[in-house]
Amino acid sequence: MSAKCCIPNCQSLAKSRFGVPENAKIVWEKEIGISLSTKSKVCSAHFEKEDIIDTWESGTGSSKYSICLKRPRLKIGAVPKLFLNKNQYNLGSIEVICDTDTQLFGKKVQK
């Protein structure tokens, strides 16, 4: 999969990325805090481990076996919940971080 994770500043090297389910788009947008498109992908680093299905199991007792899936899937109703700091990429607010005396790239910043 070549699509990059749509979560701002995500540096995860997770290989699995999941498309946004059409019926859960609004819930995902509310949880993530950004608008999502039909092409948006969210990497596995933002999901609880128990929300990702990465093995197939069959049988019971001593005849039980499991196979690793080539392409992990999400459980029905899974929502991305793991973020470093959702507020750091909330595009609705901008905060001044410089003083009038702060130098930025060798130039004095004026308010």
PDB file of N, CA and C in Angstrom:
ATOM      1  N   MET A   1       0.838  -1.178   0.000  1.00  0.00           N
ATOM      2  CA  MET A   1       0.000   0.000   0.000  1.00  0.00           C
ATOM      3  C   MET A   1       0.882   1.239   0.000  1.00  0.00           C
ATOM      4  N   SER A   2       0.607   2.148  -0.879  1.00  0.00           N
ATOM      5  CA  SER A   2       1.454   3.322  -0.977  1.00  0.00           C
ATOM      6  C   SER A   2       0.815   4.569  -0.380  1.00  0.00           C
ATOM      7  N   ALA A   3      -0.493   4.566  -0.127  1.00  0.00           N
ATOM      8  CA  ALA A   3      -1.153   5.751   0.416  1.00  0.00           C
ATOM      9  C   ALA A   3      -0.628   6.062   1.813  1.00  0.00           C
ATOM     10  N   LYS A   4      -0.318   7.322   2.035  1.00  0.00           N
ATOM     11  CA  LYS A   4       0.223   7.779   3.317  1.00  0.00           C
ATOM     12  C   LYS A   4      -0.909   7.919   4.334  1.00  0.00           C
ATOM     13  N   CYS A   5      -0.584   7.743   5.597  1.00  0.00           N
ATOM     14  CA  CYS A   5      -1.555   7.938   6.671  1.00  0.00           C
ATOM     15  C   CYS A   5      -2.003   9.402   6.662  1.00  0.00           C
ATOM     16  N   CYS A   6      -3.314   9.630   6.772  1.00  0.00           N
ATOM     17  CA  CYS A   6      -3.857  10.987   6.685  1.00  0.00           C
ATOM     18  C   CYS A   6      -3.787  11.760   8.003  1.00  0.00           C
ATOM     19  N   ILE A   7      -3.362  11.111   9.084  1.00  0.00           N
ATOM     20  CA  ILE A   7      -3.269  11.795  10.372  1.00  0.00           C
ATOM     21  C   ILE A   7      -2.077  12.762  10.317  1.00  0.00           C
ATOM     22  N   PRO A   8      -2.314  14.063  10.549  1.00  0.00           N
ATOM     23  CA  PRO A   8      -1.221  15.034  10.482  1.00  0.00           C
ATOM     24  C   PRO A   8      -0.051  14.654  11.391  1.00  0.00           C
ATOM     25  N   ASN A   9       1.133  14.816  10.881  1.00  0.00           N
ATOM     26  CA  ASN A   9       2.387  14.555  11.602  1.00  0.00           C
ATOM     27  C   ASN A   9       2.597  13.099  11.982  1.00  0.00           C
ATOM     28  N   CYS A  10       1.871  12.178  11.385  1.00  0.00           N
ATOM     29  CA  CYS A  10       2.061  10.758  11.695  1.00  0.00           C
ATOM     30  C   CYS A  10       3.383  10.300  11.087  1.00  0.00           C
ATOM     31  N   GLN A  11       4.266   9.820  11.926  1.00  0.00           N
ATOM     32  CA  GLN A  11       5.570   9.334  11.490  1.00  0.00           C
ATOM     33  C   GLN A  11       5.654   7.813  11.584  1.00  0.00           C
ATOM     34  N   SER A  12       4.523   7.168  11.783  1.00  0.00           N
ATOM     35  CA  SER A  12       4.494   5.721  11.971  1.00  0.00           C
ATOM     36  C   SER A  12       5.001   4.991  10.735  1.00  0.00           C
ATOM     37  N   LEU A  13       5.685   3.904  10.969  1.00  0.00           N
ATOM     38  CA  LEU A  13       6.158   3.052   9.882  1.00  0.00           C
ATOM     39  C   LEU A  13       5.227   1.853   9.686  1.00  0.00           C
ATOM     40  N   ALA A  14       4.029   1.925  10.267  1.00  0.00           N
ATOM     41  CA  ALA A  14       3.063   0.828  10.149  1.00  0.00           C
ATOM     42  C   ALA A  14       2.754   0.567   8.680  1.00  0.00           C
ATOM     43  N   LYS A  15       2.755  -0.696   8.302  1.00  0.00           N
ATOM     44  CA  LYS A  15       2.506  -1.066   6.911  1.00  0.00           C
ATOM     45  C   LYS A  15       1.020  -1.072   6.573  1.00  0.00           C
ATOM     46  N   SER A  16       0.176  -1.391   7.544  1.00  0.00           N
ATOM     47  CA  SER A  16      -1.259  -1.498   7.283  1.00  0.00           C
ATOM     48  C   SER A  16      -1.944  -0.143   7.376  1.00  0.00           C
ATOM     49  N   ARG A  17      -2.737   0.157   6.353  1.00  0.00           N
ATOM     50  CA  ARG A  17      -3.535   1.378   6.325  1.00  0.00           C
ATOM     51  C   ARG A  17      -4.950   0.991   5.941  1.00  0.00           C
ATOM     52  N   PHE A  18      -5.907   1.664   6.573  1.00  0.00           N
ATOM     53  CA  PHE A  18      -7.303   1.310   6.368  1.00  0.00           C
ATOM     54  C   PHE A  18      -8.077   2.496   5.818  1.00  0.00           C
ATOM     55  N   GLY A  19      -8.927   2.209   4.818  1.00  0.00           N
ATOM     56  CA  GLY A  19      -9.797   3.227   4.267  1.00  0.00           C
ATOM     57  C   GLY A  19     -10.911   3.554   5.252  1.00  0.00           C
ATOM     58  N   VAL A  20     -11.505   4.723   5.075  1.00  0.00           N
ATOM     59  CA  VAL A  20     -12.571   5.172   5.964  1.00  0.00           C
ATOM     60  C   VAL A  20     -13.886   4.529   5.530  1.00  0.00           C
ATOM     61  N   PRO A  21     -14.536   3.765   6.425  1.00  0.00           N
ATOM     62  CA  PRO A  21     -15.825   3.175   6.060  1.00  0.00           C
ATOM     63  C   PRO A  21     -16.856   4.280   5.826  1.00  0.00           C
ATOM     64  N   GLU A  22     -17.603   4.176   4.750  1.00  0.00           N
ATOM     65  CA  GLU A  22     -18.575   5.201   4.397  1.00  0.00           C
ATOM     66  C   GLU A  22     -19.585   5.446   5.515  1.00  0.00           C
ATOM     67  N   ASN A  23     -20.012   4.363   6.168  1.00  0.00           N
ATOM     68  CA  ASN A  23     -21.032   4.500   7.212  1.00  0.00           C
ATOM     69  C   ASN A  23     -20.468   4.999   8.545  1.00  0.00           C
ATOM     70  N   ALA A  24     -19.148   5.142   8.657  1.00  0.00           N
ATOM     71  CA  ALA A  24     -18.530   5.595   9.910  1.00  0.00           C
ATOM     72  C   ALA A  24     -17.702   6.867   9.721  1.00  0.00           C
ATOM     73  N   LYS A  25     -17.798   7.484   8.551  1.00  0.00           N
ATOM     74  CA  LYS A  25     -16.969   8.652   8.225  1.00  0.00           C
ATOM     75  C   LYS A  25     -17.138   9.779   9.246  1.00  0.00           C
ATOM     76  N   ILE A  26     -18.360  10.100   9.616  1.00  0.00           N
ATOM     77  CA  ILE A  26     -18.617  11.198  10.552  1.00  0.00           C
ATOM     78  C   ILE A  26     -18.029  10.888  11.927  1.00  0.00           C
ATOM     79  N   VAL A  27     -18.173   9.647  12.376  1.00  0.00           N
ATOM     80  CA  VAL A  27     -17.619   9.235  13.672  1.00  0.00           C
ATOM     81  C   VAL A  27     -16.096   9.347  13.652  1.00  0.00           C
ATOM     82  N   TRP A  28     -15.466   8.883  12.575  1.00  0.00           N
ATOM     83  CA  TRP A  28     -14.004   8.949  12.458  1.00  0.00           C
ATOM     84  C   TRP A  28     -13.545  10.409  12.444  1.00  0.00           C
ATOM     85  N   GLU A  29     -14.239  11.262  11.675  1.00  0.00           N
ATOM     86  CA  GLU A  29     -13.856  12.675  11.597  1.00  0.00           C
ATOM     87  C   GLU A  29     -13.939  13.340  12.967  1.00  0.00           C
ATOM     88  N   LYS A  30     -14.979  13.019  13.705  1.00  0.00           N
ATOM     89  CA  LYS A  30     -15.145  13.595  15.045  1.00  0.00           C
ATOM     90  C   LYS A  30     -14.018  13.131  15.968  1.00  0.00           C
ATOM     91  N   GLU A  31     -13.659  11.865  15.892  1.00  0.00           N
ATOM     92  CA  GLU A  31     -12.609  11.309  16.754  1.00  0.00           C
ATOM     93  C   GLU A  31     -11.229  11.855  16.383  1.00  0.00           C
ATOM     94  N   ILE A  32     -10.968  11.956  15.078  1.00  0.00           N
ATOM     95  CA  ILE A  32      -9.653  12.410  14.606  1.00  0.00           C
ATOM     96  C   ILE A  32      -9.526  13.934  14.682  1.00  0.00           C
ATOM     97  N   GLY A  33     -10.607  14.638  14.356  1.00  0.00           N
ATOM     98  CA  GLY A  33     -10.576  16.096  14.394  1.00  0.00           C
ATOM     99  C   GLY A  33     -10.231  16.750  13.074  1.00  0.00           C
ATOM    100  N   ILE A  34     -10.296  15.991  11.973  1.00  0.00           N
ATOM    101  CA  ILE A  34     -10.041  16.545  10.641  1.00  0.00           C
ATOM    102  C   ILE A  34     -11.081  16.000   9.671  1.00  0.00           C
ATOM    103  N   SER A  35     -11.223  16.663   8.510  1.00  0.00           N
ATOM    104  CA  SER A  35     -12.116  16.169   7.463  1.00  0.00           C
ATOM    105  C   SER A  35     -11.424  15.057   6.696  1.00  0.00           C
ATOM    106  N   LEU A  36     -12.186  14.036   6.330  1.00  0.00           N
ATOM    107  CA  LEU A  36     -11.642  12.891   5.598  1.00  0.00           C
ATOM    108  C   LEU A  36     -12.312  12.780   4.239  1.00  0.00           C
ATOM    109  N   SER A  37     -11.565  12.295   3.255  1.00  0.00           N
ATOM    110  CA  SER A  37     -12.122  12.063   1.924  1.00  0.00           C
ATOM    111  C   SER A  37     -12.282  10.558   1.713  1.00  0.00           C
ATOM    112  N   THR A  38     -12.836  10.196   0.584  1.00  0.00           N
ATOM    113  CA  THR A  38     -13.006   8.774   0.273  1.00  0.00           C
ATOM    114  C   THR A  38     -11.660   8.097   0.034  1.00  0.00           C
ATOM    115  N   LYS A  39     -10.625   8.889  -0.236  1.00  0.00           N
ATOM    116  CA  LYS A  39      -9.291   8.334  -0.475  1.00  0.00           C
ATOM    117  C   LYS A  39      -8.412   8.330   0.776  1.00  0.00           C
ATOM    118  N   SER A  40      -8.891   8.895   1.874  1.00  0.00           N
ATOM    119  CA  SER A  40      -8.102   8.963   3.112  1.00  0.00           C
ATOM    120  C   SER A  40      -7.811   7.573   3.655  1.00  0.00           C
ATOM    121  N   LYS A  41      -6.609   7.407   4.185  1.00  0.00           N
ATOM    122  CA  LYS A  41      -6.186   6.149   4.817  1.00  0.00           C
ATOM    123  C   LYS A  41      -5.639   6.467   6.200  1.00  0.00           C
ATOM    124  N   VAL A  42      -5.951   5.606   7.166  1.00  0.00           N
ATOM    125  CA  VAL A  42      -5.450   5.748   8.530  1.00  0.00           C
ATOM    126  C   VAL A  42      -4.634   4.503   8.839  1.00  0.00           C
ATOM    127  N   CYS A  43      -3.406   4.687   9.323  1.00  0.00           N
ATOM    128  CA  CYS A  43      -2.540   3.532   9.577  1.00  0.00           C
ATOM    129  C   CYS A  43      -2.915   2.816  10.874  1.00  0.00           C
ATOM    130  N   SER A  44      -2.449   1.599  10.995  1.00  0.00           N
ATOM    131  CA  SER A  44      -2.795   0.741  12.132  1.00  0.00           C
ATOM    132  C   SER A  44      -2.303   1.285  13.469  1.00  0.00           C
ATOM    133  N   ALA A  45      -1.356   2.212  13.456  1.00  0.00           N
ATOM    134  CA  ALA A  45      -0.828   2.779  14.701  1.00  0.00           C
ATOM    135  C   ALA A  45      -1.886   3.555  15.483  1.00  0.00           C
ATOM    136  N   HIS A  46      -2.993   3.925  14.832  1.00  0.00           N
ATOM    137  CA  HIS A  46      -4.028   4.734  15.476  1.00  0.00           C
ATOM    138  C   HIS A  46      -5.214   3.908  15.979  1.00  0.00           C
ATOM    139  N   PHE A  47      -5.099   2.591  15.901  1.00  0.00           N
ATOM    140  CA  PHE A  47      -6.173   1.702  16.352  1.00  0.00           C
ATOM    141  C   PHE A  47      -5.711   0.858  17.526  1.00  0.00           C
ATOM    142  N   GLU A  48      -6.653   0.532  18.406  1.00  0.00           N
ATOM    143  CA  GLU A  48      -6.369  -0.398  19.499  1.00  0.00           C
ATOM    144  C   GLU A  48      -6.031  -1.748  18.871  1.00  0.00           C
ATOM    145  N   LYS A  49      -5.111  -2.483  19.480  1.00  0.00           N
ATOM    146  CA  LYS A  49      -4.693  -3.781  18.954  1.00  0.00           C
ATOM    147  C   LYS A  49      -5.886  -4.724  18.770  1.00  0.00           C
ATOM    148  N   GLU A  50      -6.831  -4.682  19.713  1.00  0.00           N
ATOM    149  CA  GLU A  50      -7.984  -5.586  19.625  1.00  0.00           C
ATOM    150  C   GLU A  50      -8.979  -5.201  18.525  1.00  0.00           C
ATOM    151  N   ASP A  51      -8.808  -4.027  17.898  1.00  0.00           N
ATOM    152  CA  ASP A  51      -9.668  -3.625  16.783  1.00  0.00           C
ATOM    153  C   ASP A  51      -9.161  -4.128  15.432  1.00  0.00           C
ATOM    154  N   ILE A  52      -7.956  -4.701  15.406  1.00  0.00           N
ATOM    155  CA  ILE A  52      -7.352  -5.157  14.152  1.00  0.00           C
ATOM    156  C   ILE A  52      -7.366  -6.682  14.091  1.00  0.00           C
ATOM    157  N   ILE A  53      -7.911  -7.199  13.002  1.00  0.00           N
ATOM    158  CA  ILE A  53      -7.929  -8.648  12.772  1.00  0.00           C
ATOM    159  C   ILE A  53      -6.745  -8.962  11.873  1.00  0.00           C
ATOM    160  N   ASP A  54      -5.737  -9.642  12.432  1.00  0.00           N
ATOM    161  CA  ASP A  54      -4.554  -9.958  11.629  1.00  0.00           C
ATOM    162  C   ASP A  54      -4.290 -11.460  11.523  1.00  0.00           C
ATOM    163  N   THR A  55      -5.165 -12.266  12.121  1.00  0.00           N
ATOM    164  CA  THR A  55      -5.043 -13.726  12.007  1.00  0.00           C
ATOM    165  C   THR A  55      -6.410 -14.349  11.769  1.00  0.00           C
ATOM    166  N   TRP A  56      -6.392 -15.501  11.142  1.00  0.00           N
ATOM    167  CA  TRP A  56      -7.596 -16.298  10.924  1.00  0.00           C
ATOM    168  C   TRP A  56      -7.417 -17.576  11.720  1.00  0.00           C
ATOM    169  N   GLU A  57      -8.425 -17.910  12.526  1.00  0.00           N
ATOM    170  CA  GLU A  57      -8.325 -19.096  13.370  1.00  0.00           C
ATOM    171  C   GLU A  57      -9.417 -20.087  13.010  1.00  0.00           C
ATOM    172  N   SER A  58      -9.079 -21.361  13.137  1.00  0.00           N
ATOM    173  CA  SER A  58     -10.038 -22.425  12.846  1.00  0.00           C
ATOM    174  C   SER A  58      -9.792 -23.597  13.787  1.00  0.00           C
ATOM    175  N   GLY A  59     -10.837 -24.364  14.023  1.00  0.00           N
ATOM    176  CA  GLY A  59     -10.711 -25.550  14.868  1.00  0.00           C
ATOM    177  C   GLY A  59     -10.810 -25.220  16.344  1.00  0.00           C
ATOM    178  N   THR A  60     -10.785 -26.276  17.158  1.00  0.00           N
ATOM    179  CA  THR A  60     -10.839 -26.117  18.608  1.00  0.00           C
ATOM    180  C   THR A  60      -9.873 -27.085  19.272  1.00  0.00           C
ATOM    181  N   GLY A  61      -9.549 -26.774  20.517  1.00  0.00           N
ATOM    182  CA  GLY A  61      -8.681 -27.666  21.285  1.00  0.00           C
ATOM    183  C   GLY A  61      -7.337 -27.887  20.627  1.00  0.00           C
ATOM    184  N   SER A  62      -6.915 -29.177  20.579  1.00  0.00           N
ATOM    185  CA  SER A  62      -5.598 -29.500  20.018  1.00  0.00           C
ATOM    186  C   SER A  62      -5.562 -29.386  18.495  1.00  0.00           C
ATOM    187  N   SER A  63      -6.731 -29.294  17.849  1.00  0.00           N
ATOM    188  CA  SER A  63      -6.754 -29.165  16.389  1.00  0.00           C
ATOM    189  C   SER A  63      -6.952 -27.712  15.947  1.00  0.00           C
ATOM    190  N   LYS A  64      -6.801 -26.772  16.889  1.00  0.00           N
ATOM    191  CA  LYS A  64      -6.948 -25.357  16.564  1.00  0.00           C
ATOM    192  C   LYS A  64      -5.671 -24.844  15.903  1.00  0.00           C
ATOM    193  N   TYR A  65      -5.836 -24.059  14.855  1.00  0.00           N
ATOM    194  CA  TYR A  65      -4.684 -23.449  14.195  1.00  0.00           C
ATOM    195  C   TYR A  65      -5.045 -22.040  13.740  1.00  0.00           C
ATOM    196  N   SER A  66      -4.030 -21.227  13.542  1.00  0.00           N
ATOM    197  CA  SER A  66      -4.254 -19.862  13.077  1.00  0.00           C
ATOM    198  C   SER A  66      -3.272 -19.532  11.960  1.00  0.00           C
ATOM    199  N   ILE A  67      -3.725 -18.658  11.088  1.00  0.00           N
ATOM    200  CA  ILE A  67      -2.927 -18.232   9.939  1.00  0.00           C
ATOM    201  C   ILE A  67      -2.868 -16.705   9.951  1.00  0.00           C
ATOM    202  N   CYS A  68      -1.675 -16.150   9.781  1.00  0.00           N
ATOM    203  CA  CYS A  68      -1.525 -14.697   9.694  1.00  0.00           C
ATOM    204  C   CYS A  68      -2.100 -14.215   8.364  1.00  0.00           C
ATOM    205  N   LEU A  69      -2.937 -13.196   8.426  1.00  0.00           N
ATOM    206  CA  LEU A  69      -3.514 -12.638   7.209  1.00  0.00           C
ATOM    207  C   LEU A  69      -2.486 -11.773   6.490  1.00  0.00           C
ATOM    208  N   LYS A  70      -2.480 -11.861   5.179  1.00  0.00           N
ATOM    209  CA  LYS A  70      -1.572 -11.047   4.380  1.00  0.00           C
ATOM    210  C   LYS A  70      -1.972  -9.573   4.488  1.00  0.00           C
ATOM    211  N   ARG A  71      -3.282  -9.340   4.586  1.00  0.00           N
ATOM    212  CA  ARG A  71      -3.817  -7.987   4.674  1.00  0.00           C
ATOM    213  C   ARG A  71      -4.743  -7.878   5.879  1.00  0.00           C
ATOM    214  N   PRO A  72      -4.287  -7.289   6.977  1.00  0.00           N
ATOM    215  CA  PRO A  72      -5.139  -7.155   8.163  1.00  0.00           C
ATOM    216  C   PRO A  72      -6.421  -6.375   7.856  1.00  0.00           C
ATOM    217  N   ARG A  73      -7.452  -6.627   8.666  1.00  0.00           N
ATOM    218  CA  ARG A  73      -8.743  -5.951   8.521  1.00  0.00           C
ATOM    219  C   ARG A  73      -9.119  -5.326   9.859  1.00  0.00           C
ATOM    220  N   LEU A  74     -10.078  -4.422   9.807  1.00  0.00           N
ATOM    221  CA  LEU A  74     -10.600  -3.832  11.038  1.00  0.00           C
ATOM    222  C   LEU A  74     -11.879  -4.550  11.443  1.00  0.00           C
ATOM    223  N   LYS A  75     -12.087  -4.663  12.745  1.00  0.00           N
ATOM    224  CA  LYS A  75     -13.352  -5.195  13.239  1.00  0.00           C
ATOM    225  C   LYS A  75     -14.445  -4.185  12.921  1.00  0.00           C
ATOM    226  N   ILE A  76     -15.664  -4.663  12.787  1.00  0.00           N
ATOM    227  CA  ILE A  76     -16.802  -3.782  12.544  1.00  0.00           C
ATOM    228  C   ILE A  76     -16.928  -2.823  13.725  1.00  0.00           C
ATOM    229  N   GLY A  77     -17.074  -1.554  13.434  1.00  0.00           N
ATOM    230  CA  GLY A  77     -17.221  -0.536  14.472  1.00  0.00           C
ATOM    231  C   GLY A  77     -15.914   0.022  15.005  1.00  0.00           C
ATOM    232  N   ALA A  78     -14.773  -0.443  14.480  1.00  0.00           N
ATOM    233  CA  ALA A  78     -13.473   0.066  14.944  1.00  0.00           C
ATOM    234  C   ALA A  78     -13.329   1.543  14.576  1.00  0.00           C
ATOM    235  N   VAL A  79     -12.797   2.314  15.511  1.00  0.00           N
ATOM    236  CA  VAL A  79     -12.594   3.749  15.315  1.00  0.00           C
ATOM    237  C   VAL A  79     -11.164   4.086  15.734  1.00  0.00           C
ATOM    238  N   PRO A  80     -10.438   4.894  14.939  1.00  0.00           N
ATOM    239  CA  PRO A  80      -9.085   5.278  15.350  1.00  0.00           C
ATOM    240  C   PRO A  80      -9.143   6.107  16.632  1.00  0.00           C
ATOM    241  N   LYS A  81      -8.343   5.714  17.630  1.00  0.00           N
ATOM    242  CA  LYS A  81      -8.389   6.386  18.933  1.00  0.00           C
ATOM    243  C   LYS A  81      -7.022   6.765  19.471  1.00  0.00           C
ATOM    244  N   LEU A  82      -5.963   6.284  18.857  1.00  0.00           N
ATOM    245  CA  LEU A  82      -4.621   6.511  19.398  1.00  0.00           C
ATOM    246  C   LEU A  82      -3.918   7.621  18.627  1.00  0.00           C
ATOM    247  N   PHE A  83      -3.707   8.750  19.297  1.00  0.00           N
ATOM    248  CA  PHE A  83      -3.062   9.909  18.687  1.00  0.00           C
ATOM    249  C   PHE A  83      -2.072  10.490  19.676  1.00  0.00           C
ATOM    250  N   LEU A  84      -0.976  11.062  19.182  1.00  0.00           N
ATOM    251  CA  LEU A  84      -0.001  11.699  20.072  1.00  0.00           C
ATOM    252  C   LEU A  84      -0.654  12.852  20.818  1.00  0.00           C
ATOM    253  N   ASN A  85      -1.190  13.796  20.093  1.00  0.00           N
ATOM    254  CA  ASN A  85      -1.851  14.945  20.695  1.00  0.00           C
ATOM    255  C   ASN A  85      -2.778  15.542  19.654  1.00  0.00           C
ATOM    256  N   LYS A  86      -4.043  15.204  19.759  1.00  0.00           N
ATOM    257  CA  LYS A  86      -5.016  15.649  18.772  1.00  0.00           C
ATOM    258  C   LYS A  86      -5.037  17.170  18.651  1.00  0.00           C
ATOM    259  N   ASN A  87      -4.804  17.890  19.742  1.00  0.00           N
ATOM    260  CA  ASN A  87      -4.844  19.350  19.712  1.00  0.00           C
ATOM    261  C   ASN A  87      -3.710  19.955  18.894  1.00  0.00           C
ATOM    262  N   GLN A  88      -2.611  19.237  18.715  1.00  0.00           N
ATOM    263  CA  GLN A  88      -1.482  19.808  17.984  1.00  0.00           C
ATOM    264  C   GLN A  88      -1.781  19.957  16.500  1.00  0.00           C
ATOM    265  N   TYR A  89      -2.785  19.246  15.978  1.00  0.00           N
ATOM    266  CA  TYR A  89      -3.129  19.433  14.573  1.00  0.00           C
ATOM    267  C   TYR A  89      -4.564  19.871  14.386  1.00  0.00           C
ATOM    268  N   ASN A  90      -5.184  20.394  15.429  1.00  0.00           N
ATOM    269  CA  ASN A  90      -6.518  20.966  15.299  1.00  0.00           C
ATOM    270  C   ASN A  90      -6.360  22.271  14.532  1.00  0.00           C
ATOM    271  N   LEU A  91      -6.807  22.271  13.296  1.00  0.00           N
ATOM    272  CA  LEU A  91      -6.570  23.409  12.421  1.00  0.00           C
ATOM    273  C   LEU A  91      -7.480  24.590  12.724  1.00  0.00           C
ATOM    274  N   GLY A  92      -8.391  24.438  13.690  1.00  0.00           N
ATOM    275  CA  GLY A  92      -9.326  25.493  14.029  1.00  0.00           C
ATOM    276  C   GLY A  92      -8.718  26.585  14.889  1.00  0.00           C
ATOM    277  N   SER A  93      -7.577  26.364  15.487  1.00  0.00           N
ATOM    278  CA  SER A  93      -7.002  27.387  16.359  1.00  0.00           C
ATOM    279  C   SER A  93      -5.521  27.580  16.057  1.00  0.00           C
ATOM    280  N   ILE A  94      -5.105  28.832  16.103  1.00  0.00           N
ATOM    281  CA  ILE A  94      -3.697  29.165  15.889  1.00  0.00           C
ATOM    282  C   ILE A  94      -3.249  29.984  17.093  1.00  0.00           C
ATOM    283  N   GLU A  95      -2.083  29.704  17.580  1.00  0.00           N
ATOM    284  CA  GLU A  95      -1.583  30.350  18.789  1.00  0.00           C
ATOM    285  C   GLU A  95      -0.265  31.059  18.479  1.00  0.00           C
ATOM    286  N   VAL A  96      -0.082  32.260  19.012  1.00  0.00           N
ATOM    287  CA  VAL A  96       1.168  32.994  18.831  1.00  0.00           C
ATOM    288  C   VAL A  96       2.215  32.372  19.736  1.00  0.00           C
ATOM    289  N   ILE A  97       3.358  32.003  19.157  1.00  0.00           N
ATOM    290  CA  ILE A  97       4.389  31.344  19.953  1.00  0.00           C
ATOM    291  C   ILE A  97       5.670  32.167  20.058  1.00  0.00           C
ATOM    292  N   CYS A  98       5.674  33.375  19.503  1.00  0.00           N
ATOM    293  CA  CYS A  98       6.888  34.192  19.520  1.00  0.00           C
ATOM    294  C   CYS A  98       6.683  35.450  20.351  1.00  0.00           C
ATOM    295  N   ASP A  99       7.715  35.864  21.065  1.00  0.00           N
ATOM    296  CA  ASP A  99       7.738  37.161  21.738  1.00  0.00           C
ATOM    297  C   ASP A  99       8.189  38.198  20.723  1.00  0.00           C
ATOM    298  N   THR A 100       8.067  39.461  21.095  1.00  0.00           N
ATOM    299  CA  THR A 100       8.555  40.509  20.188  1.00  0.00           C
ATOM    300  C   THR A 100      10.071  40.494  20.095  1.00  0.00           C
ATOM    301  N   ASP A 101      10.736  39.965  21.111  1.00  0.00           N
ATOM    302  CA  ASP A 101      12.195  39.925  21.107  1.00  0.00           C
ATOM    303  C   ASP A 101      12.765  38.634  20.526  1.00  0.00           C
ATOM    304  N   THR A 102      11.913  37.714  20.147  1.00  0.00           N
ATOM    305  CA  THR A 102      12.384  36.432  19.627  1.00  0.00           C
ATOM    306  C   THR A 102      12.972  36.613  18.238  1.00  0.00           C
ATOM    307  N   GLN A 103      14.082  35.985  18.014  1.00  0.00           N
ATOM    308  CA  GLN A 103      14.697  36.035  16.693  1.00  0.00           C
ATOM    309  C   GLN A 103      14.320  34.779  15.927  1.00  0.00           C
ATOM    310  N   LEU A 104      13.889  34.952  14.703  1.00  0.00           N
ATOM    311  CA  LEU A 104      13.489  33.839  13.859  1.00  0.00           C
ATOM    312  C   LEU A 104      14.268  33.935  12.557  1.00  0.00           C
ATOM    313  N   PHE A 105      15.084  32.944  12.275  1.00  0.00           N
ATOM    314  CA  PHE A 105      15.913  32.921  11.074  1.00  0.00           C
ATOM    315  C   PHE A 105      16.769  34.180  10.953  1.00  0.00           C
ATOM    316  N   GLY A 106      17.293  34.636  12.077  1.00  0.00           N
ATOM    317  CA  GLY A 106      18.192  35.776  12.065  1.00  0.00           C
ATOM    318  C   GLY A 106      17.509  37.127  11.981  1.00  0.00           C
ATOM    319  N   LYS A 107      16.164  37.162  11.983  1.00  0.00           N
ATOM    320  CA  LYS A 107      15.443  38.430  11.911  1.00  0.00           C
ATOM    321  C   LYS A 107      14.575  38.580  13.150  1.00  0.00           C
ATOM    322  N   LYS A 108      14.456  39.813  13.620  1.00  0.00           N
ATOM    323  CA  LYS A 108      13.636  40.099  14.781  1.00  0.00           C
ATOM    324  C   LYS A 108      12.169  40.080  14.368  1.00  0.00           C
ATOM    325  N   VAL A 109      11.341  39.396  15.155  1.00  0.00           N
ATOM    326  CA  VAL A 109       9.916  39.290  14.853  1.00  0.00           C
ATOM    327  C   VAL A 109       9.170  40.388  15.585  1.00  0.00           C
ATOM    328  N   GLN A 110       8.333  41.134  14.898  1.00  0.00           N
ATOM    329  CA  GLN A 110       7.508  42.188  15.496  1.00  0.00           C
ATOM    330  C   GLN A 110       6.053  41.740  15.496  1.00  0.00           C
ATOM    331  N   LYS A 111       5.336  42.057  16.598  1.00  0.00           N
ATOM    332  CA  LYS A 111       3.894  41.726  16.667  1.00  0.00           C
ATOM    333  C   LYS A 111       3.091  42.768  15.948  1.00  0.00           C
TER     334      LYS A 111
END
